[in-house]
Amino acid sequence: MKTSYGLTFALGALSLTAPLNAQEGPPSEPQGGPPPGAQEGARQGPPPGVATGDIVFDDTWITVGVGAGLVPSYSGSDDYVFFPLPLIVGRVGGIGISPNGPGLNLDLLSQPPASGPPGAGSSAPSISLGPSFRFRNDRADQIEDEVVLAAGELDTAFEVGVNGGVTFPSVFDRADRLSLSTSVRWDILGAHDGMVIEPSVGYFKPIGSGTALQLAVSGQFIDDSFADYYYSVSPQQSADSGLPEFTADGGLNSLGLTAIGTFDLDGNLLNGGWNVYAIGGYSRLVGDAADTPYTAIRGSADQFFGGIGVGYTF
């Protein structure tokens, strides 16, 4: 699967990713999707005209989906490539599951939707906490720029850590949600061999009974090891590519904004079935991620991404 900076925010933890779920907390590369929004609506009670028995988001539910989109070919690239957009999110055995780029966040504190009459959902904040897993194969494949490709492909990283957050329901009306979350992960495969911290602020709001909108503002902080692996140009890489040598340090790496829309095909987000989800966003590389020759000379610090997919909830 293609991994990119944009995808991280779209689905991560969108590190960012999934940051907008009432139960699961964070995107990213991009963290959430349509099902979390539907679950949040369920916790607040169905909209007028929707029977309580129609709600599919009970103790156990799953949404699976598939789609495609466009992202930069590597972090800092101005070339764009297609990427697959698979989706799995839900709650099984008391554990919440949410996407995190090409990976997963698990919420060990996940609780089923509040019971009671429509509109009687709890107004108390909910806490999410659990392990976070993510693959990162930035510049490991699909490098469109021949000069960057000449500098050499990188290894795939597998990051493991923890994701936690708090969600505040009924901020502006009874059905919306405001979520604060942070994911911290470390590479365990010895690729970048560093640490990534991805905080995010997310807002969810249903629009009628069949549409929901999620917004996330996300950031990414990296350590020196991560920065050196992805953004430094070593003497050998300089000789192979013709790019000037560059030494990168860690710090604030990027800021991003992601929007996710969910459209239920039968007009009722709460009863499961088929839905269409669309993702779009913008991120800005800063610091050495923007100054590296891979970005400043061969690419762009402005990163855009978007995708569309179809999901089914049962």
Protein backbone atom coordinates (compact mmCIF):
# COMPACT_ATOMS: atom_id res chain seq x y z
CA MET A 1 0.00 0.00 0.00
CA LYS A 2 1.24 3.48 -0.81
CA THR A 3 1.98 5.48 2.33
CA SER A 4 2.27 9.22 2.14
CA TYR A 5 2.28 12.29 4.30
CA GLY A 6 -1.17 13.22 3.01
CA LEU A 7 -2.60 9.80 3.73
CA THR A 8 -1.37 10.04 7.29
CA PHE A 9 -3.49 13.09 7.93
CA ALA A 10 -6.44 11.80 5.99
CA LEU A 11 -6.65 8.59 7.97
CA GLY A 12 -4.48 9.11 10.85
CA ALA A 13 -3.90 9.54 12.77
CA LEU A 14 -5.67 11.07 9.86
CA SER A 15 -2.25 10.07 12.88
CA LEU A 16 -3.48 11.79 12.11
CA THR A 17 -5.64 10.70 11.71
CA ALA A 18 -9.02 9.10 13.02
CA PRO A 19 -8.80 11.62 15.69
CA LEU A 20 -12.44 12.43 15.19
CA ASN A 21 -14.07 9.33 16.60
CA ALA A 22 -16.24 9.70 19.69
CA GLN A 23 -14.88 6.46 21.05
CA GLU A 24 -11.51 6.07 19.40
CA GLY A 25 -10.22 9.60 19.82
CA PRO A 26 -7.58 10.82 16.59
CA PRO A 27 -5.13 11.23 11.35
CA SER A 28 -1.60 11.86 9.61
CA GLU A 29 -1.06 11.22 7.58
CA PRO A 30 -4.04 11.75 7.51
CA GLN A 31 -6.88 10.60 11.39
CA GLY A 32 -11.11 9.03 10.86
CA GLY A 33 -13.72 8.31 8.29
CA PRO A 34 -17.40 8.05 7.88
CA PRO A 35 -18.17 5.33 10.42
CA PRO A 36 -16.80 7.21 13.44
CA GLY A 37 -19.07 10.09 12.58
CA ALA A 38 -22.02 7.75 12.40
CA GLN A 39 -21.14 6.30 15.78
CA GLU A 40 -21.02 9.73 17.34
CA GLY A 41 -24.49 10.48 16.08
CA ALA A 42 -25.67 7.19 17.60
CA ARG A 43 -24.29 8.12 21.02
CA GLN A 44 -26.38 11.28 21.00
CA GLY A 45 -29.58 9.58 19.94
CA PRO A 46 -31.12 9.37 16.48
CA PRO A 47 -32.43 12.40 14.63
CA PRO A 48 -36.17 13.07 14.50
CA GLY A 49 -38.06 10.34 12.67
CA VAL A 50 -35.42 7.63 13.19
CA ALA A 51 -36.49 4.79 15.45
CA THR A 52 -34.13 3.66 18.21
CA GLY A 53 -34.29 0.11 16.85
CA ASP A 54 -32.77 1.30 13.57
CA ILE A 55 -29.41 2.10 15.20
CA VAL A 56 -26.69 -0.33 14.14
CA PHE A 57 -23.95 1.17 16.34
CA ASP A 58 -24.42 -0.98 19.42
CA ASP A 59 -21.87 -3.03 21.37
CA THR A 60 -20.47 -4.66 18.22
CA TRP A 61 -20.32 -3.14 14.73
CA ILE A 62 -17.91 -3.00 11.80
CA THR A 63 -17.54 -0.78 8.75
CA VAL A 64 -15.45 -1.94 5.81
CA GLY A 65 -14.75 0.15 2.75
CA VAL A 66 -12.61 0.59 -0.31
CA GLY A 67 -11.67 3.64 -2.35
CA ALA A 68 -8.86 5.51 -4.07
CA GLY A 69 -7.25 8.93 -4.02
CA LEU A 70 -4.32 11.16 -4.97
CA VAL A 71 -1.38 12.01 -2.69
CA PRO A 72 2.17 13.35 -3.12
CA SER A 73 4.54 10.56 -4.17
CA TYR A 74 6.67 11.26 -1.08
CA SER A 75 6.68 13.76 1.77
CA GLY A 76 7.65 17.02 0.04
CA SER A 77 6.95 15.90 -3.53
CA ASP A 78 5.05 17.95 -6.10
CA ASP A 79 4.26 14.79 -8.10
CA TYR A 80 1.01 12.98 -7.27
CA VAL A 81 0.17 9.29 -7.40
CA PHE A 82 -2.94 7.19 -6.87
CA PHE A 83 -3.23 5.24 -3.63
CA PRO A 84 -5.75 2.62 -2.44
CA LEU A 85 -8.03 3.74 0.38
CA PRO A 86 -9.18 0.65 2.32
CA LEU A 87 -11.15 1.23 5.50
CA ILE A 88 -11.95 -0.82 8.59
CA VAL A 89 -13.40 0.74 11.71
CA GLY A 90 -15.71 -0.48 14.45
CA ARG A 91 -16.03 -1.99 17.90
CA VAL A 92 -15.50 -5.70 18.62
CA GLY A 93 -15.15 -7.40 21.99
CA GLY A 94 -15.18 -4.08 23.81
CA ILE A 95 -12.23 -2.76 21.76
CA GLY A 96 -12.61 0.18 19.40
CA ILE A 97 -10.87 -0.01 16.03
CA SER A 98 -10.02 3.02 13.90
CA PRO A 99 -7.76 3.55 10.86
CA ASN A 100 -4.34 5.15 11.15
CA GLY A 101 -2.98 5.54 7.63
CA PRO A 102 -1.84 2.04 6.67
CA GLY A 103 -2.31 0.87 10.26
CA LEU A 104 -4.72 0.81 13.19
CA ASN A 105 -5.46 2.52 16.49
CA LEU A 106 -7.13 0.41 19.18
CA ASP A 107 -9.19 1.91 22.00
CA LEU A 108 -9.15 -0.30 25.09
CA LEU A 109 -11.57 2.07 26.89
CA SER A 110 -14.22 1.95 24.16
CA GLN A 111 -17.80 1.88 25.38
CA PRO A 112 -21.05 1.11 23.53
CA PRO A 113 -23.39 4.01 22.66
CA ALA A 114 -25.35 5.47 25.52
CA SER A 115 -28.76 3.89 26.05
CA GLY A 116 -31.97 5.77 26.62
CA PRO A 117 -34.52 7.72 24.60
CA PRO A 118 -33.51 9.64 21.50
CA GLY A 119 -31.44 12.69 22.33
CA ALA A 120 -30.66 11.44 25.85
CA GLY A 121 -26.98 10.62 25.22
CA SER A 122 -24.46 11.42 27.95
CA SER A 123 -22.95 14.91 27.96
CA ALA A 124 -19.89 13.74 29.91
CA PRO A 125 -16.49 13.68 28.15
CA SER A 126 -15.18 10.25 27.08
CA ILE A 127 -11.55 9.11 27.17
CA SER A 128 -9.80 6.87 24.63
CA LEU A 129 -6.51 5.04 25.15
CA GLY A 130 -4.81 2.17 23.39
CA PRO A 131 -1.98 0.95 21.18
CA SER A 132 -1.22 2.53 17.81
CA PHE A 133 0.33 0.78 14.78
CA ARG A 134 1.41 2.26 11.46
CA PHE A 135 3.51 1.32 8.42
CA ARG A 136 5.51 4.11 6.77
CA ASN A 137 7.01 3.46 3.35
CA ASP A 138 7.74 7.05 2.35
CA ARG A 139 10.24 7.07 -0.53
CA ALA A 140 10.25 3.27 -0.48
CA ASP A 141 8.38 3.08 -3.81
CA GLN A 142 6.48 5.17 -6.38
CA ILE A 143 9.11 7.92 -6.48
CA GLU A 144 8.15 9.91 -9.58
CA ASP A 145 11.08 12.35 -9.53
CA GLU A 146 14.15 10.79 -11.23
CA VAL A 147 16.60 12.95 -9.26
CA VAL A 148 15.09 11.92 -5.92
CA LEU A 149 14.97 8.32 -7.10
CA ALA A 150 18.69 8.51 -7.88
CA ALA A 151 19.33 9.34 -4.21
CA GLY A 152 18.02 5.86 -3.40
CA GLU A 153 14.90 4.23 -2.04
CA LEU A 154 14.37 3.96 1.72
CA ASP A 155 13.24 1.06 3.90
CA THR A 156 9.71 0.60 5.24
CA ALA A 157 9.23 1.58 8.88
CA PHE A 158 6.76 -0.02 11.28
CA GLU A 159 5.80 2.35 14.08
CA VAL A 160 4.33 1.15 17.36
CA GLY A 161 3.13 3.35 20.19
CA VAL A 162 0.11 4.65 22.03
CA ASN A 163 -2.83 6.84 21.10
CA GLY A 164 -5.03 8.65 23.61
CA GLY A 165 -7.52 11.46 23.72
CA VAL A 166 -10.66 12.99 25.15
CA THR A 167 -13.92 13.79 23.37
CA PHE A 168 -16.39 16.46 24.48
CA PRO A 169 -19.97 15.88 23.28
CA SER A 170 -22.67 18.49 22.65
CA VAL A 171 -20.34 21.46 22.21
CA PHE A 172 -22.58 23.60 20.01
CA ASP A 173 -25.61 21.28 19.72
CA ARG A 174 -26.66 17.88 21.08
CA ALA A 175 -25.10 15.85 18.27
CA ASP A 176 -21.69 17.43 17.64
CA ARG A 177 -18.31 16.43 19.14
CA LEU A 178 -14.96 18.04 19.80
CA SER A 179 -11.98 15.69 20.16
CA LEU A 180 -8.41 16.23 21.36
CA SER A 181 -5.91 13.42 20.85
CA THR A 182 -2.24 12.61 20.52
CA SER A 183 -0.40 9.62 19.07
CA VAL A 184 3.23 8.78 19.95
CA ARG A 185 5.01 6.03 18.00
CA TRP A 186 8.50 4.56 17.56
CA ASP A 187 9.90 2.68 14.58
CA ILE A 188 10.74 -0.92 15.54
CA LEU A 189 12.08 -2.13 12.16
CA GLY A 190 15.21 0.02 12.20
CA ALA A 191 14.27 2.17 9.20
CA HIS A 192 14.11 5.75 10.52
CA ASP A 193 14.54 4.30 14.04
CA GLY A 194 13.01 7.43 15.51
CA MET A 195 9.92 8.86 17.22
CA VAL A 196 6.83 10.64 15.85
CA ILE A 197 4.33 12.69 17.88
CA GLU A 198 1.05 13.61 16.18
CA PRO A 199 -1.46 15.80 18.09
CA SER A 200 -4.82 16.68 16.57
CA VAL A 201 -8.05 18.56 17.23
CA GLY A 202 -11.16 17.22 15.55
CA TYR A 203 -14.76 18.36 15.18
CA PHE A 204 -17.71 16.22 14.07
CA LYS A 205 -21.18 17.42 13.12
CA PRO A 206 -24.11 15.61 11.48
CA ILE A 207 -25.94 17.52 8.79
CA GLY A 208 -29.43 16.12 8.68
CA SER A 209 -29.97 12.39 9.13
CA GLY A 210 -27.88 11.16 6.20
CA THR A 211 -24.77 13.35 6.05
CA ALA A 212 -21.91 14.04 8.48
CA LEU A 213 -18.89 16.32 8.32
CA GLN A 214 -15.61 15.90 10.18
CA LEU A 215 -12.76 18.43 10.37
CA ALA A 216 -9.30 17.91 11.84
CA VAL A 217 -6.38 20.22 12.48
CA SER A 218 -3.22 18.16 12.97
CA GLY A 219 0.47 18.54 13.56
CA GLN A 220 3.52 16.32 13.49
CA PHE A 221 6.70 16.51 15.59
CA ILE A 222 9.70 14.33 14.78
CA ASP A 223 13.04 13.57 16.42
CA ASP A 224 16.50 13.92 14.89
CA SER A 225 16.66 10.29 13.77
CA PHE A 226 13.42 10.58 11.77
CA ALA A 227 14.49 13.90 10.25
CA ASP A 228 17.93 12.61 9.29
CA TYR A 229 16.53 9.50 7.60
CA TYR A 230 13.90 11.22 5.44
CA TYR A 231 15.27 14.75 4.89
CA SER A 232 19.08 14.69 5.10
CA VAL A 233 21.13 14.40 1.90
CA SER A 234 24.25 12.39 2.67
CA PRO A 235 27.51 12.77 0.69
CA GLN A 236 26.72 9.54 -1.17
CA GLN A 237 23.14 10.61 -1.92
CA SER A 238 24.48 13.97 -3.12
CA ALA A 239 26.97 12.27 -5.44
CA ASP A 240 24.29 9.95 -6.84
CA SER A 241 21.59 12.59 -7.36
CA GLY A 242 23.42 15.88 -7.82
CA LEU A 243 21.49 17.43 -4.93
CA PRO A 244 23.45 19.50 -2.40
CA GLU A 245 24.33 17.90 0.92
CA PHE A 246 21.92 18.68 3.74
CA THR A 247 21.68 17.75 7.44
CA ALA A 248 18.17 17.73 8.93
CA ASP A 249 17.18 18.08 12.58
CA GLY A 250 13.94 17.19 14.32
CA GLY A 251 11.18 19.47 15.62
CA LEU A 252 7.85 20.60 14.23
CA ASN A 253 7.56 18.85 10.88
CA SER A 254 4.16 19.80 9.49
CA LEU A 255 0.70 21.25 10.04
CA GLY A 256 -2.44 20.11 8.26
CA LEU A 257 -6.18 20.46 7.82
CA THR A 258 -8.41 17.55 6.77
CA ALA A 259 -12.13 17.40 5.92
CA ILE A 260 -14.12 14.16 5.69
CA GLY A 261 -17.69 13.96 4.44
CA THR A 262 -19.96 10.93 4.85
CA PHE A 263 -23.09 10.44 2.77
CA ASP A 264 -25.43 7.55 3.61
CA LEU A 265 -27.08 6.10 0.52
CA ASP A 266 -30.45 5.50 2.20
CA GLY A 267 -30.43 8.83 4.04
CA ASN A 268 -29.96 7.38 7.53
CA LEU A 269 -26.42 7.26 8.97
CA LEU A 270 -27.51 5.28 12.01
CA ASN A 271 -29.00 2.14 10.46
CA GLY A 272 -25.85 0.87 8.75
CA GLY A 273 -25.72 -0.21 5.14
CA TRP A 274 -23.96 1.55 2.28
CA ASN A 275 -22.33 4.98 2.43
CA VAL A 276 -19.94 7.10 0.39
CA TYR A 277 -17.08 8.98 2.04
CA ALA A 278 -14.88 11.73 0.60
CA ILE A 279 -11.58 13.01 2.02
CA GLY A 280 -9.69 16.16 1.16
CA GLY A 281 -6.98 18.17 2.83
CA TYR A 282 -3.93 20.36 2.81
CA SER A 283 -0.71 20.20 4.81
CA ARG A 284 2.34 22.42 5.00
CA LEU A 285 5.82 21.10 5.67
CA VAL A 286 7.91 23.35 7.92
CA GLY A 287 11.44 23.44 9.29
CA ASP A 288 13.97 21.11 7.74
CA ALA A 289 11.20 19.12 6.06
CA ALA A 290 10.56 22.22 3.93
CA ASP A 291 14.22 23.21 3.59
CA THR A 292 15.59 19.84 2.47
CA PRO A 293 16.57 19.72 -1.23
CA TYR A 294 14.04 16.91 -1.70
CA THR A 295 11.36 19.53 -1.01
CA ALA A 296 12.86 22.96 -1.69
CA ILE A 297 14.56 22.06 -4.99
CA ARG A 298 12.66 19.04 -6.31
CA GLY A 299 9.23 19.36 -4.69
CA SER A 300 6.97 21.66 -2.68
CA ALA A 301 6.22 22.31 0.97
CA ASP A 302 2.52 22.58 0.06
CA GLN A 303 0.94 19.14 0.11
CA PHE A 304 -2.59 18.36 -1.10
CA PHE A 305 -4.51 15.09 -0.99
CA GLY A 306 -7.99 13.77 -1.69
CA GLY A 307 -9.92 10.55 -2.13
CA ILE A 308 -13.33 8.93 -2.33
CA GLY A 309 -14.59 5.53 -1.29
CA VAL A 310 -17.60 3.32 -0.60
CA GLY A 311 -18.23 1.64 2.74
CA TYR A 312 -20.69 -0.81 4.28
CA THR A 313 -21.64 -0.91 7.97
CA PHE A 314 -23.14 -3.96 9.69
